[in-house]
Amino acid sequence: MKILAINGSHRRGRNTAKMLETVLEEARSLGAETELLELSDYNIKPCRACNHCLRVIECSIQDDDIKLITDKMLAADAIVLGSPVYISNVTGLMKNFMDRTRWLHMCRNTLHGKVGAAVTHAGLRNGGQELTQIIMERYLASHGMIVVDSRDQEGRIYNHGPMGTLFERLEDGRVIWKKDVEEDSLALHECRTLGRNIVRQLQLLKAARQEV
């Protein structure tokens, strides 16, 4: 089982990366091979809407790093996206990456049947996490991927996915902030559950293929 996490934050190693790494750590404990990829480390040019990918399964832009990333996506069994919230949306870095993977989707869904999941983080308690989560999950679904969530196997539901916040509480009109996502026990719990759910889904798919 190969699980690839892709971080759309401009700040490598921070809250979104920590959430993704928590997902991967749980998956590794169950036998998965994992990798965390930071989009900020790569040169990804914007899509130029040339529509080359309407005719052939490839991107016309060949002088940047997108193929390094898409090769990893094609080799993975599961892909987990992560983005902080930028004005109730994914970051520009994540959106640019999404646009440049259009060639994986237009002629044929080359990622069809893989497992997908997403995590997000914001400063505010209700800072646009749900919409950002939906945007990433919709992207995964549009590629024909099987999107899993963080509901546990006992049926308990605490949130609609791993969505972190730095908001701690309001005290005498003053906001008290968490230091980082490591102080958000719910977000980390959801990330660990998501890691288990991804591995479980991959195991179910493997078993189903063996029965055919």
N, C-alpha and C. Protein backbone atom coordinates (compact mmCIF):
# COMPACT_ATOMS: atom_id res chain seq x y z
N MET A 1 0.85 -1.20 0.00
CA MET A 1 0.00 0.00 0.00
C MET A 1 0.88 1.24 0.00
N LYS A 2 0.72 2.07 -1.01
CA LYS A 2 1.46 3.32 -1.10
C LYS A 2 0.48 4.49 -0.93
N ILE A 3 0.76 5.32 0.06
CA ILE A 3 -0.11 6.48 0.32
C ILE A 3 0.72 7.75 0.16
N LEU A 4 0.26 8.62 -0.71
CA LEU A 4 0.93 9.89 -1.00
C LEU A 4 0.10 11.04 -0.43
N ALA A 5 0.72 11.86 0.41
CA ALA A 5 0.07 13.06 0.92
C ALA A 5 0.67 14.27 0.23
N ILE A 6 -0.19 15.21 -0.17
CA ILE A 6 0.25 16.41 -0.90
C ILE A 6 -0.18 17.63 -0.11
N ASN A 7 0.80 18.41 0.32
CA ASN A 7 0.54 19.59 1.15
C ASN A 7 0.53 20.85 0.30
N GLY A 8 -0.61 21.55 0.29
CA GLY A 8 -0.74 22.78 -0.48
C GLY A 8 -0.43 24.04 0.30
N SER A 9 0.13 23.90 1.50
CA SER A 9 0.49 25.08 2.27
C SER A 9 1.77 25.71 1.75
N HIS A 10 1.84 27.02 1.83
CA HIS A 10 3.08 27.73 1.47
C HIS A 10 4.13 27.60 2.58
N ARG A 11 3.70 27.11 3.74
CA ARG A 11 4.61 26.98 4.88
C ARG A 11 4.83 25.49 5.16
N ARG A 12 5.94 24.98 4.66
CA ARG A 12 6.22 23.55 4.82
C ARG A 12 6.42 23.21 6.30
N GLY A 13 5.96 22.04 6.68
CA GLY A 13 6.18 21.55 8.03
C GLY A 13 5.31 22.16 9.10
N ARG A 14 4.35 22.99 8.73
CA ARG A 14 3.52 23.63 9.75
C ARG A 14 2.23 22.85 9.97
N ASN A 15 1.13 23.56 10.28
CA ASN A 15 -0.06 22.87 10.77
C ASN A 15 -0.65 21.86 9.79
N THR A 16 -0.79 22.24 8.51
CA THR A 16 -1.36 21.31 7.54
C THR A 16 -0.45 20.11 7.35
N ALA A 17 0.85 20.34 7.31
CA ALA A 17 1.81 19.24 7.19
C ALA A 17 1.72 18.31 8.39
N LYS A 18 1.54 18.88 9.58
CA LYS A 18 1.43 18.05 10.79
C LYS A 18 0.18 17.20 10.75
N MET A 19 -0.92 17.74 10.22
CA MET A 19 -2.13 16.95 10.08
C MET A 19 -1.93 15.80 9.10
N LEU A 20 -1.31 16.10 7.97
CA LEU A 20 -1.04 15.05 6.97
C LEU A 20 -0.10 13.99 7.53
N GLU A 21 0.91 14.41 8.25
CA GLU A 21 1.86 13.46 8.81
C GLU A 21 1.19 12.57 9.86
N THR A 22 0.21 13.11 10.59
CA THR A 22 -0.53 12.31 11.56
C THR A 22 -1.33 11.22 10.84
N VAL A 23 -1.94 11.59 9.70
CA VAL A 23 -2.64 10.59 8.88
C VAL A 23 -1.67 9.51 8.44
N LEU A 24 -0.52 9.92 7.93
CA LEU A 24 0.45 8.96 7.41
C LEU A 24 1.06 8.10 8.51
N GLU A 25 1.29 8.69 9.67
CA GLU A 25 1.86 7.93 10.79
C GLU A 25 0.94 6.78 11.19
N GLU A 26 -0.36 7.07 11.24
CA GLU A 26 -1.32 6.01 11.57
C GLU A 26 -1.34 4.94 10.50
N ALA A 27 -1.28 5.37 9.23
CA ALA A 27 -1.27 4.40 8.13
C ALA A 27 0.00 3.55 8.15
N ARG A 28 1.13 4.16 8.47
CA ARG A 28 2.39 3.40 8.56
C ARG A 28 2.33 2.34 9.64
N SER A 29 1.66 2.67 10.75
CA SER A 29 1.55 1.71 11.85
C SER A 29 0.76 0.48 11.44
N LEU A 30 -0.01 0.60 10.35
CA LEU A 30 -0.81 -0.52 9.83
C LEU A 30 -0.18 -1.15 8.59
N GLY A 31 1.07 -0.77 8.31
CA GLY A 31 1.81 -1.44 7.25
C GLY A 31 1.92 -0.69 5.93
N ALA A 32 1.43 0.53 5.87
CA ALA A 32 1.46 1.27 4.61
C ALA A 32 2.82 1.93 4.38
N GLU A 33 3.16 2.09 3.12
CA GLU A 33 4.33 2.89 2.71
C GLU A 33 3.82 4.30 2.41
N THR A 34 4.47 5.31 2.98
CA THR A 34 3.92 6.67 2.87
C THR A 34 4.98 7.67 2.41
N GLU A 35 4.47 8.79 1.86
CA GLU A 35 5.32 9.91 1.47
C GLU A 35 4.54 11.20 1.59
N LEU A 36 5.18 12.22 2.15
CA LEU A 36 4.60 13.56 2.24
C LEU A 36 5.31 14.46 1.25
N LEU A 37 4.54 15.04 0.34
CA LEU A 37 5.07 15.90 -0.71
C LEU A 37 4.63 17.34 -0.43
N GLU A 38 5.58 18.25 -0.41
CA GLU A 38 5.30 19.68 -0.18
C GLU A 38 5.30 20.41 -1.52
N LEU A 39 4.14 20.92 -1.92
CA LEU A 39 4.06 21.62 -3.21
C LEU A 39 4.98 22.84 -3.26
N SER A 40 5.27 23.42 -2.11
CA SER A 40 6.14 24.60 -2.08
C SER A 40 7.57 24.28 -2.53
N ASP A 41 7.92 23.01 -2.57
CA ASP A 41 9.26 22.61 -3.01
C ASP A 41 9.38 22.49 -4.53
N TYR A 42 8.25 22.61 -5.23
CA TYR A 42 8.23 22.31 -6.67
C TYR A 42 7.89 23.56 -7.49
N ASN A 43 8.42 23.56 -8.70
CA ASN A 43 8.09 24.60 -9.68
C ASN A 43 6.93 24.10 -10.54
N ILE A 44 5.77 24.70 -10.36
CA ILE A 44 4.59 24.29 -11.12
C ILE A 44 4.03 25.51 -11.85
N LYS A 45 4.17 25.51 -13.15
CA LYS A 45 3.66 26.63 -13.94
C LYS A 45 2.13 26.57 -14.04
N PRO A 46 1.47 27.71 -14.23
CA PRO A 46 0.00 27.70 -14.37
C PRO A 46 -0.44 27.00 -15.65
N CYS A 47 -1.62 26.40 -15.60
CA CYS A 47 -2.25 25.87 -16.81
C CYS A 47 -2.47 27.02 -17.80
N ARG A 48 -2.17 26.80 -19.07
CA ARG A 48 -2.34 27.86 -20.07
C ARG A 48 -3.55 27.62 -20.97
N ALA A 49 -4.40 26.65 -20.59
CA ALA A 49 -5.67 26.41 -21.29
C ALA A 49 -5.45 26.16 -22.79
N CYS A 50 -4.42 25.42 -23.12
CA CYS A 50 -4.14 25.13 -24.53
C CYS A 50 -5.03 24.00 -25.06
N ASN A 51 -5.63 23.24 -24.14
CA ASN A 51 -6.53 22.12 -24.48
C ASN A 51 -5.83 20.96 -25.18
N HIS A 52 -4.52 20.91 -25.08
CA HIS A 52 -3.78 19.76 -25.61
C HIS A 52 -4.27 18.46 -24.99
N CYS A 53 -4.62 18.53 -23.68
CA CYS A 53 -5.03 17.32 -22.95
C CYS A 53 -6.44 16.85 -23.30
N LEU A 54 -7.13 17.60 -24.16
CA LEU A 54 -8.42 17.11 -24.65
C LEU A 54 -8.24 16.02 -25.71
N ARG A 55 -7.04 15.95 -26.28
CA ARG A 55 -6.78 15.03 -27.39
C ARG A 55 -5.86 13.88 -27.01
N VAL A 56 -5.02 14.09 -25.99
CA VAL A 56 -4.04 13.08 -25.62
C VAL A 56 -3.79 13.16 -24.11
N ILE A 57 -3.44 12.03 -23.50
CA ILE A 57 -3.24 12.00 -22.05
C ILE A 57 -1.83 12.47 -21.73
N GLU A 58 -1.64 13.75 -21.81
CA GLU A 58 -0.37 14.37 -21.43
C GLU A 58 -0.57 15.88 -21.36
N CYS A 59 0.35 16.54 -20.65
CA CYS A 59 0.32 18.00 -20.56
C CYS A 59 1.36 18.57 -21.53
N SER A 60 1.00 19.66 -22.19
CA SER A 60 1.91 20.26 -23.16
C SER A 60 3.09 20.97 -22.49
N ILE A 61 2.94 21.33 -21.22
CA ILE A 61 4.02 22.00 -20.49
C ILE A 61 4.98 20.93 -19.98
N GLN A 62 6.19 20.96 -20.47
CA GLN A 62 7.15 19.91 -20.15
C GLN A 62 8.38 20.42 -19.41
N ASP A 63 8.43 21.73 -19.11
CA ASP A 63 9.65 22.29 -18.51
C ASP A 63 9.44 22.74 -17.07
N ASP A 64 8.59 22.02 -16.33
CA ASP A 64 8.47 22.28 -14.90
C ASP A 64 8.39 20.95 -14.16
N ASP A 65 7.94 20.97 -12.90
CA ASP A 65 8.02 19.77 -12.06
C ASP A 65 6.73 18.97 -11.96
N ILE A 66 5.70 19.31 -12.73
CA ILE A 66 4.41 18.66 -12.52
C ILE A 66 4.48 17.15 -12.76
N LYS A 67 5.29 16.71 -13.74
CA LYS A 67 5.36 15.27 -14.02
C LYS A 67 6.00 14.51 -12.87
N LEU A 68 6.91 15.14 -12.14
CA LEU A 68 7.49 14.50 -10.97
C LEU A 68 6.40 14.17 -9.95
N ILE A 69 5.43 15.09 -9.83
CA ILE A 69 4.34 14.89 -8.88
C ILE A 69 3.33 13.89 -9.41
N THR A 70 2.94 14.04 -10.68
CA THR A 70 1.92 13.14 -11.22
C THR A 70 2.42 11.71 -11.34
N ASP A 71 3.72 11.51 -11.54
CA ASP A 71 4.27 10.16 -11.54
C ASP A 71 4.06 9.50 -10.17
N LYS A 72 4.25 10.30 -9.12
CA LYS A 72 4.03 9.79 -7.76
C LYS A 72 2.55 9.50 -7.53
N MET A 73 1.67 10.34 -8.06
CA MET A 73 0.23 10.11 -7.93
C MET A 73 -0.19 8.82 -8.62
N LEU A 74 0.34 8.60 -9.81
CA LEU A 74 -0.01 7.41 -10.58
C LEU A 74 0.51 6.14 -9.91
N ALA A 75 1.64 6.25 -9.20
CA ALA A 75 2.22 5.09 -8.52
C ALA A 75 1.56 4.80 -7.18
N ALA A 76 0.85 5.78 -6.63
CA ALA A 76 0.25 5.63 -5.31
C ALA A 76 -1.07 4.87 -5.37
N ASP A 77 -1.41 4.22 -4.26
CA ASP A 77 -2.72 3.58 -4.13
C ASP A 77 -3.74 4.54 -3.51
N ALA A 78 -3.25 5.49 -2.75
CA ALA A 78 -4.13 6.48 -2.11
C ALA A 78 -3.45 7.84 -2.11
N ILE A 79 -4.26 8.90 -2.25
CA ILE A 79 -3.75 10.28 -2.28
C ILE A 79 -4.53 11.10 -1.26
N VAL A 80 -3.79 11.79 -0.38
CA VAL A 80 -4.41 12.64 0.63
C VAL A 80 -3.98 14.07 0.37
N LEU A 81 -4.95 14.95 0.18
CA LEU A 81 -4.65 16.37 -0.04
C LEU A 81 -4.81 17.14 1.26
N GLY A 82 -3.99 18.16 1.42
CA GLY A 82 -4.12 19.03 2.59
C GLY A 82 -3.91 20.48 2.19
N SER A 83 -4.76 21.36 2.72
CA SER A 83 -4.60 22.79 2.43
C SER A 83 -5.10 23.61 3.61
N PRO A 84 -4.37 24.67 3.96
CA PRO A 84 -4.97 25.65 4.85
C PRO A 84 -6.03 26.44 4.10
N VAL A 85 -6.88 27.13 4.84
CA VAL A 85 -7.96 27.90 4.22
C VAL A 85 -7.46 29.28 3.84
N TYR A 86 -7.63 29.63 2.56
CA TYR A 86 -7.34 30.99 2.08
C TYR A 86 -8.65 31.56 1.52
N ILE A 87 -9.29 32.42 2.28
CA ILE A 87 -10.55 33.05 1.88
C ILE A 87 -11.56 31.98 1.47
N SER A 88 -11.84 31.07 2.38
CA SER A 88 -12.84 30.00 2.19
C SER A 88 -12.53 29.13 0.97
N ASN A 89 -11.25 28.91 0.72
CA ASN A 89 -10.86 28.11 -0.44
C ASN A 89 -9.50 27.49 -0.19
N VAL A 90 -9.06 26.67 -1.13
CA VAL A 90 -7.70 26.14 -1.05
C VAL A 90 -6.71 27.26 -1.36
N THR A 91 -5.45 27.01 -1.09
CA THR A 91 -4.42 27.99 -1.43
C THR A 91 -4.26 28.08 -2.95
N GLY A 92 -3.66 29.17 -3.40
CA GLY A 92 -3.35 29.29 -4.82
C GLY A 92 -2.39 28.19 -5.27
N LEU A 93 -1.50 27.79 -4.36
CA LEU A 93 -0.55 26.72 -4.67
C LEU A 93 -1.28 25.41 -4.95
N MET A 94 -2.26 25.09 -4.11
CA MET A 94 -3.04 23.87 -4.31
C MET A 94 -3.91 23.97 -5.57
N LYS A 95 -4.54 25.12 -5.78
CA LYS A 95 -5.40 25.27 -6.95
C LYS A 95 -4.59 25.18 -8.24
N ASN A 96 -3.42 25.76 -8.26
CA ASN A 96 -2.58 25.68 -9.45
C ASN A 96 -2.21 24.22 -9.73
N PHE A 97 -1.86 23.48 -8.67
CA PHE A 97 -1.58 22.05 -8.82
C PHE A 97 -2.79 21.31 -9.37
N MET A 98 -3.97 21.58 -8.83
CA MET A 98 -5.20 20.93 -9.31
C MET A 98 -5.40 21.19 -10.80
N ASP A 99 -5.25 22.44 -11.20
CA ASP A 99 -5.44 22.79 -12.61
C ASP A 99 -4.46 22.05 -13.51
N ARG A 100 -3.24 21.90 -13.05
CA ARG A 100 -2.21 21.27 -13.89
C ARG A 100 -2.35 19.75 -13.96
N THR A 101 -3.22 19.16 -13.13
CA THR A 101 -3.49 17.73 -13.25
C THR A 101 -4.70 17.46 -14.14
N ARG A 102 -5.14 18.47 -14.84
CA ARG A 102 -6.29 18.32 -15.75
C ARG A 102 -6.05 17.21 -16.77
N TRP A 103 -4.82 17.05 -17.20
CA TRP A 103 -4.51 16.06 -18.23
C TRP A 103 -4.72 14.62 -17.73
N LEU A 104 -4.76 14.42 -16.41
CA LEU A 104 -5.02 13.10 -15.86
C LEU A 104 -6.51 12.73 -15.92
N HIS A 105 -7.32 13.68 -16.36
CA HIS A 105 -8.77 13.56 -16.20
C HIS A 105 -9.57 13.71 -17.49
N MET A 106 -9.06 14.50 -18.44
CA MET A 106 -9.91 14.91 -19.56
C MET A 106 -10.22 13.79 -20.55
N CYS A 107 -9.23 13.07 -21.02
CA CYS A 107 -9.48 11.96 -21.95
C CYS A 107 -9.95 10.71 -21.21
N ARG A 108 -9.37 10.48 -20.05
CA ARG A 108 -9.69 9.30 -19.25
C ARG A 108 -9.27 9.57 -17.82
N ASN A 109 -10.04 9.06 -16.86
CA ASN A 109 -9.67 9.21 -15.46
C ASN A 109 -8.55 8.23 -15.12
N THR A 110 -7.32 8.69 -15.24
CA THR A 110 -6.18 7.80 -15.01
C THR A 110 -6.00 7.46 -13.53
N LEU A 111 -6.63 8.21 -12.63
CA LEU A 111 -6.54 7.93 -11.20
C LEU A 111 -7.76 7.14 -10.70
N HIS A 112 -8.58 6.68 -11.64
CA HIS A 112 -9.81 5.99 -11.27
C HIS A 112 -9.54 4.79 -10.36
N GLY A 113 -10.34 4.67 -9.30
CA GLY A 113 -10.25 3.53 -8.40
C GLY A 113 -9.27 3.68 -7.27
N LYS A 114 -8.44 4.73 -7.29
CA LYS A 114 -7.56 5.00 -6.16
C LYS A 114 -8.39 5.56 -5.00
N VAL A 115 -7.82 5.53 -3.82
CA VAL A 115 -8.49 6.07 -2.64
C VAL A 115 -8.03 7.51 -2.42
N GLY A 116 -8.96 8.39 -2.09
CA GLY A 116 -8.65 9.79 -1.86
C GLY A 116 -9.20 10.30 -0.54
N ALA A 117 -8.54 11.31 0.01
CA ALA A 117 -9.00 11.92 1.26
C ALA A 117 -8.40 13.32 1.36
N ALA A 118 -8.91 14.11 2.31
CA ALA A 118 -8.44 15.49 2.45
C ALA A 118 -8.48 15.94 3.90
N VAL A 119 -7.60 16.88 4.22
CA VAL A 119 -7.59 17.55 5.53
C VAL A 119 -7.41 19.05 5.29
N THR A 120 -7.90 19.84 6.23
CA THR A 120 -7.74 21.29 6.09
C THR A 120 -7.58 21.94 7.45
N HIS A 121 -7.07 23.17 7.44
CA HIS A 121 -6.79 23.88 8.68
C HIS A 121 -7.01 25.37 8.48
N ALA A 122 -7.52 26.04 9.53
CA ALA A 122 -7.72 27.49 9.48
C ALA A 122 -7.49 28.08 10.87
N GLY A 123 -7.31 29.36 10.91
CA GLY A 123 -7.14 30.03 12.19
C GLY A 123 -8.45 30.09 12.97
N LEU A 124 -9.51 30.54 12.31
CA LEU A 124 -10.80 30.70 12.97
C LEU A 124 -11.49 29.36 13.19
N ARG A 125 -12.39 29.30 14.14
CA ARG A 125 -13.14 28.07 14.41
C ARG A 125 -14.03 27.71 13.23
N ASN A 126 -14.68 28.70 12.65
CA ASN A 126 -15.49 28.52 11.45
C ASN A 126 -14.91 29.38 10.34
N GLY A 127 -13.73 29.01 9.89
CA GLY A 127 -12.97 29.85 8.98
C GLY A 127 -13.01 29.42 7.53
N GLY A 128 -13.98 28.57 7.17
CA GLY A 128 -14.07 28.11 5.79
C GLY A 128 -13.56 26.71 5.59
N GLN A 129 -13.33 25.99 6.70
CA GLN A 129 -12.80 24.63 6.58
C GLN A 129 -13.71 23.70 5.78
N GLU A 130 -15.01 23.74 6.04
CA GLU A 130 -15.91 22.79 5.37
C GLU A 130 -15.93 23.00 3.86
N LEU A 131 -15.98 24.25 3.42
CA LEU A 131 -16.00 24.51 1.98
C LEU A 131 -14.68 24.09 1.35
N THR A 132 -13.58 24.38 2.01
CA THR A 132 -12.27 23.98 1.48
C THR A 132 -12.16 22.46 1.40
N GLN A 133 -12.67 21.77 2.42
CA GLN A 133 -12.69 20.31 2.42
C GLN A 133 -13.51 19.78 1.25
N ILE A 134 -14.67 20.38 1.03
CA ILE A 134 -15.55 19.95 -0.07
C ILE A 134 -14.85 20.14 -1.42
N ILE A 135 -14.14 21.25 -1.58
CA ILE A 135 -13.45 21.53 -2.84
C ILE A 135 -12.41 20.45 -3.13
N MET A 136 -11.64 20.06 -2.12
CA MET A 136 -10.63 19.03 -2.33
C MET A 136 -11.26 17.66 -2.56
N GLU A 137 -12.28 17.33 -1.80
CA GLU A 137 -12.95 16.04 -1.98
C GLU A 137 -13.64 15.97 -3.34
N ARG A 138 -14.20 17.09 -3.79
CA ARG A 138 -14.84 17.11 -5.12
C ARG A 138 -13.79 16.91 -6.22
N TYR A 139 -12.63 17.49 -6.04
CA TYR A 139 -11.53 17.29 -6.99
C TYR A 139 -11.18 15.81 -7.08
N LEU A 140 -11.03 15.17 -5.93
CA LEU A 140 -10.68 13.75 -5.90
C LEU A 140 -11.75 12.90 -6.57
N ALA A 141 -13.02 13.20 -6.26
CA ALA A 141 -14.12 12.45 -6.86
C ALA A 141 -14.18 12.64 -8.36
N SER A 142 -13.87 13.84 -8.83
CA SER A 142 -13.92 14.10 -10.27
C SER A 142 -12.88 13.29 -11.03
N HIS A 143 -11.84 12.85 -10.33
CA HIS A 143 -10.83 11.99 -10.94
C HIS A 143 -11.20 10.51 -10.82
N GLY A 144 -12.40 10.23 -10.33
CA GLY A 144 -12.85 8.85 -10.22
C GLY A 144 -12.31 8.13 -9.01
N MET A 145 -11.85 8.88 -8.02
CA MET A 145 -11.28 8.26 -6.83
C MET A 145 -12.37 7.96 -5.80
N ILE A 146 -12.08 7.00 -4.93
CA ILE A 146 -12.99 6.63 -3.85
C ILE A 146 -12.63 7.48 -2.63
N VAL A 147 -13.49 8.42 -2.29
CA VAL A 147 -13.21 9.37 -1.22
C VAL A 147 -13.67 8.81 0.12
N VAL A 148 -12.75 8.73 1.06
CA VAL A 148 -13.08 8.25 2.41
C VAL A 148 -13.07 9.42 3.39
N ASP A 149 -13.82 9.24 4.48
CA ASP A 149 -13.89 10.29 5.50
C ASP A 149 -13.32 9.79 6.81
N SER A 150 -13.54 10.53 7.88
CA SER A 150 -12.92 10.21 9.17
C SER A 150 -13.92 9.70 10.20
N ARG A 151 -15.05 9.19 9.73
CA ARG A 151 -16.00 8.60 10.67
C ARG A 151 -15.44 7.25 11.14
N ASP A 152 -15.50 6.99 12.45
CA ASP A 152 -14.89 5.76 12.95
C ASP A 152 -15.80 4.56 12.74
N GLN A 153 -15.24 3.38 12.93
CA GLN A 153 -15.95 2.15 12.61
C GLN A 153 -17.07 1.84 13.60
N GLU A 154 -17.07 2.52 14.75
CA GLU A 154 -18.16 2.37 15.71
C GLU A 154 -19.33 3.30 15.38
N GLY A 155 -19.19 4.06 14.31
CA GLY A 155 -20.26 4.94 13.87
C GLY A 155 -20.25 6.31 14.50
N ARG A 156 -19.29 6.56 15.37
CA ARG A 156 -19.23 7.88 16.01
C ARG A 156 -18.79 8.93 14.99
N ILE A 157 -19.39 10.10 15.07
CA ILE A 157 -19.03 11.20 14.18
C ILE A 157 -18.85 12.46 15.02
N TYR A 158 -17.68 13.07 14.92
CA TYR A 158 -17.37 14.26 15.68
C TYR A 158 -17.26 15.49 14.78
N ASN A 159 -17.03 15.24 13.50
CA ASN A 159 -16.79 16.34 12.57
C ASN A 159 -16.96 15.80 11.16
N HIS A 160 -17.06 16.67 10.17
CA HIS A 160 -17.19 16.23 8.79
C HIS A 160 -15.82 16.19 8.12
N GLY A 161 -14.88 15.52 8.77
CA GLY A 161 -13.53 15.41 8.25
C GLY A 161 -12.53 16.08 9.16
N PRO A 162 -11.24 15.80 8.94
CA PRO A 162 -10.20 16.43 9.75
C PRO A 162 -10.05 17.91 9.41
N MET A 163 -10.58 18.77 10.27
CA MET A 163 -10.55 20.21 10.04
C MET A 163 -10.03 20.88 11.31
N GLY A 164 -8.81 21.39 11.24
CA GLY A 164 -8.20 22.00 12.41
C GLY A 164 -8.49 23.48 12.53
N THR A 165 -8.30 23.99 13.73
CA THR A 165 -8.46 25.42 14.00
C THR A 165 -7.49 25.85 15.10
N LEU A 166 -7.03 27.08 15.03
CA LEU A 166 -6.19 27.63 16.09
C LEU A 166 -7.02 28.31 17.18
N PHE A 167 -8.34 28.46 16.93
CA PHE A 167 -9.20 29.11 17.91
C PHE A 167 -9.37 28.22 19.14
N GLU A 168 -9.08 28.74 20.31
CA GLU A 168 -9.22 27.99 21.55
C GLU A 168 -10.49 28.39 22.30
N ARG A 169 -10.62 29.69 22.60
CA ARG A 169 -11.80 30.17 23.34
C ARG A 169 -11.81 31.69 23.35
N LEU A 170 -12.95 32.23 23.73
CA LEU A 170 -13.09 33.67 23.91
C LEU A 170 -13.08 33.96 25.40
N GLU A 171 -12.21 34.85 25.83
CA GLU A 171 -12.04 35.15 27.25
C GLU A 171 -12.06 36.66 27.47
N ASP A 172 -13.18 37.13 28.06
CA ASP A 172 -13.36 38.57 28.29
C ASP A 172 -13.19 39.38 27.01
N GLY A 173 -13.77 38.87 25.93
CA GLY A 173 -13.72 39.56 24.65
C GLY A 173 -12.42 39.40 23.90
N ARG A 174 -11.52 38.62 24.45
CA ARG A 174 -10.20 38.43 23.82
C ARG A 174 -10.07 36.99 23.36
N VAL A 175 -9.62 36.80 22.11
CA VAL A 175 -9.45 35.45 21.57
C VAL A 175 -8.18 34.83 22.15
N ILE A 176 -8.32 33.61 22.64
CA ILE A 176 -7.18 32.81 23.08
C ILE A 176 -6.91 31.78 21.99
N TRP A 177 -5.70 31.81 21.46
CA TRP A 177 -5.35 30.95 20.33
C TRP A 177 -4.56 29.73 20.79
N LYS A 178 -4.75 28.60 20.10
CA LYS A 178 -3.88 27.46 20.26
C LYS A 178 -2.50 27.80 19.68
N LYS A 179 -1.48 27.17 20.21
CA LYS A 179 -0.13 27.40 19.69
C LYS A 179 -0.01 26.83 18.28
N ASP A 180 -0.51 25.61 18.09
CA ASP A 180 -0.52 24.98 16.77
C ASP A 180 -1.51 23.83 16.80
N VAL A 181 -1.59 23.10 15.69
CA VAL A 181 -2.60 22.04 15.57
C VAL A 181 -2.35 20.89 16.55
N GLU A 182 -1.14 20.79 17.07
CA GLU A 182 -0.86 19.73 18.02
C GLU A 182 -1.66 19.89 19.32
N GLU A 183 -2.22 21.08 19.53
CA GLU A 183 -3.09 21.32 20.67
C GLU A 183 -4.56 21.11 20.34
N ASP A 184 -4.84 20.73 19.09
CA ASP A 184 -6.22 20.49 18.64
C ASP A 184 -6.46 18.98 18.67
N SER A 185 -6.93 18.47 19.81
CA SER A 185 -7.07 17.03 19.98
C SER A 185 -8.09 16.43 19.03
N LEU A 186 -9.16 17.18 18.71
CA LEU A 186 -10.16 16.65 17.79
C LEU A 186 -9.59 16.49 16.39
N ALA A 187 -8.87 17.50 15.91
CA ALA A 187 -8.29 17.43 14.57
C ALA A 187 -7.34 16.25 14.45
N LEU A 188 -6.50 16.04 15.46
CA LEU A 188 -5.54 14.94 15.40
C LEU A 188 -6.24 13.59 15.52
N HIS A 189 -7.30 13.52 16.32
CA HIS A 189 -8.09 12.30 16.40
C HIS A 189 -8.69 11.96 15.03
N GLU A 190 -9.23 12.98 14.37
CA GLU A 190 -9.82 12.77 13.04
C GLU A 190 -8.76 12.34 12.03
N CYS A 191 -7.56 12.90 12.13
CA CYS A 191 -6.48 12.52 11.22
C CYS A 191 -6.09 11.06 11.42
N ARG A 192 -5.97 10.63 12.67
CA ARG A 192 -5.62 9.23 12.93
C ARG A 192 -6.71 8.29 12.43
N THR A 193 -7.97 8.67 12.67
CA THR A 193 -9.08 7.84 12.17
C THR A 193 -9.06 7.78 10.65
N LEU A 194 -8.77 8.91 10.01
CA LEU A 194 -8.70 8.94 8.55
C LEU A 194 -7.61 7.99 8.04
N GLY A 195 -6.46 8.00 8.70
CA GLY A 195 -5.38 7.09 8.31
C GLY A 195 -5.82 5.64 8.38
N ARG A 196 -6.54 5.28 9.43
CA ARG A 196 -7.04 3.91 9.56
C ARG A 196 -8.06 3.60 8.47
N ASN A 197 -8.94 4.56 8.19
CA ASN A 197 -9.98 4.34 7.18
C ASN A 197 -9.40 4.18 5.78
N ILE A 198 -8.34 4.92 5.49
CA ILE A 198 -7.69 4.79 4.18
C ILE A 198 -7.12 3.38 4.03
N VAL A 199 -6.40 2.91 5.05
CA VAL A 199 -5.82 1.57 4.99
C VAL A 199 -6.91 0.52 4.88
N ARG A 200 -7.97 0.68 5.64
CA ARG A 200 -9.07 -0.29 5.60
C ARG A 200 -9.70 -0.34 4.21
N GLN A 201 -9.89 0.82 3.59
CA GLN A 201 -10.46 0.84 2.24
C GLN A 201 -9.53 0.19 1.23
N LEU A 202 -8.25 0.41 1.37
CA LEU A 202 -7.29 -0.22 0.47
C LEU A 202 -7.30 -1.74 0.65
N GLN A 203 -7.43 -2.20 1.89
CA GLN A 203 -7.49 -3.64 2.14
C GLN A 203 -8.75 -4.25 1.53
N LEU A 204 -9.87 -3.53 1.64
CA LEU A 204 -11.11 -4.02 1.05
C LEU A 204 -11.01 -4.11 -0.47
N LEU A 205 -10.38 -3.11 -1.09
CA LEU A 205 -10.22 -3.13 -2.54
C LEU A 205 -9.31 -4.27 -2.98
N LYS A 206 -8.24 -4.50 -2.22
CA LYS A 206 -7.33 -5.60 -2.55
C LYS A 206 -8.05 -6.93 -2.46
N ALA A 207 -8.84 -7.10 -1.39
CA ALA A 207 -9.58 -8.36 -1.21
C ALA A 207 -10.58 -8.56 -2.34
N ALA A 208 -11.25 -7.49 -2.74
CA ALA A 208 -12.23 -7.59 -3.82
C ALA A 208 -11.58 -7.98 -5.14
N ARG A 209 -10.40 -7.43 -5.41
CA ARG A 209 -9.68 -7.77 -6.65
C ARG A 209 -9.25 -9.24 -6.65
N GLN A 210 -8.87 -9.76 -5.49
CA GLN A 210 -8.44 -11.15 -5.39
C GLN A 210 -9.57 -12.12 -5.60
N GLU A 211 -10.81 -11.67 -5.29
CA GLU A 211 -11.97 -12.54 -5.44
C GLU A 211 -12.45 -12.64 -6.89
N VAL A 212 -12.04 -11.65 -7.70
CA VAL A 212 -12.50 -11.63 -9.09
C VAL A 212 -11.81 -12.73 -9.90
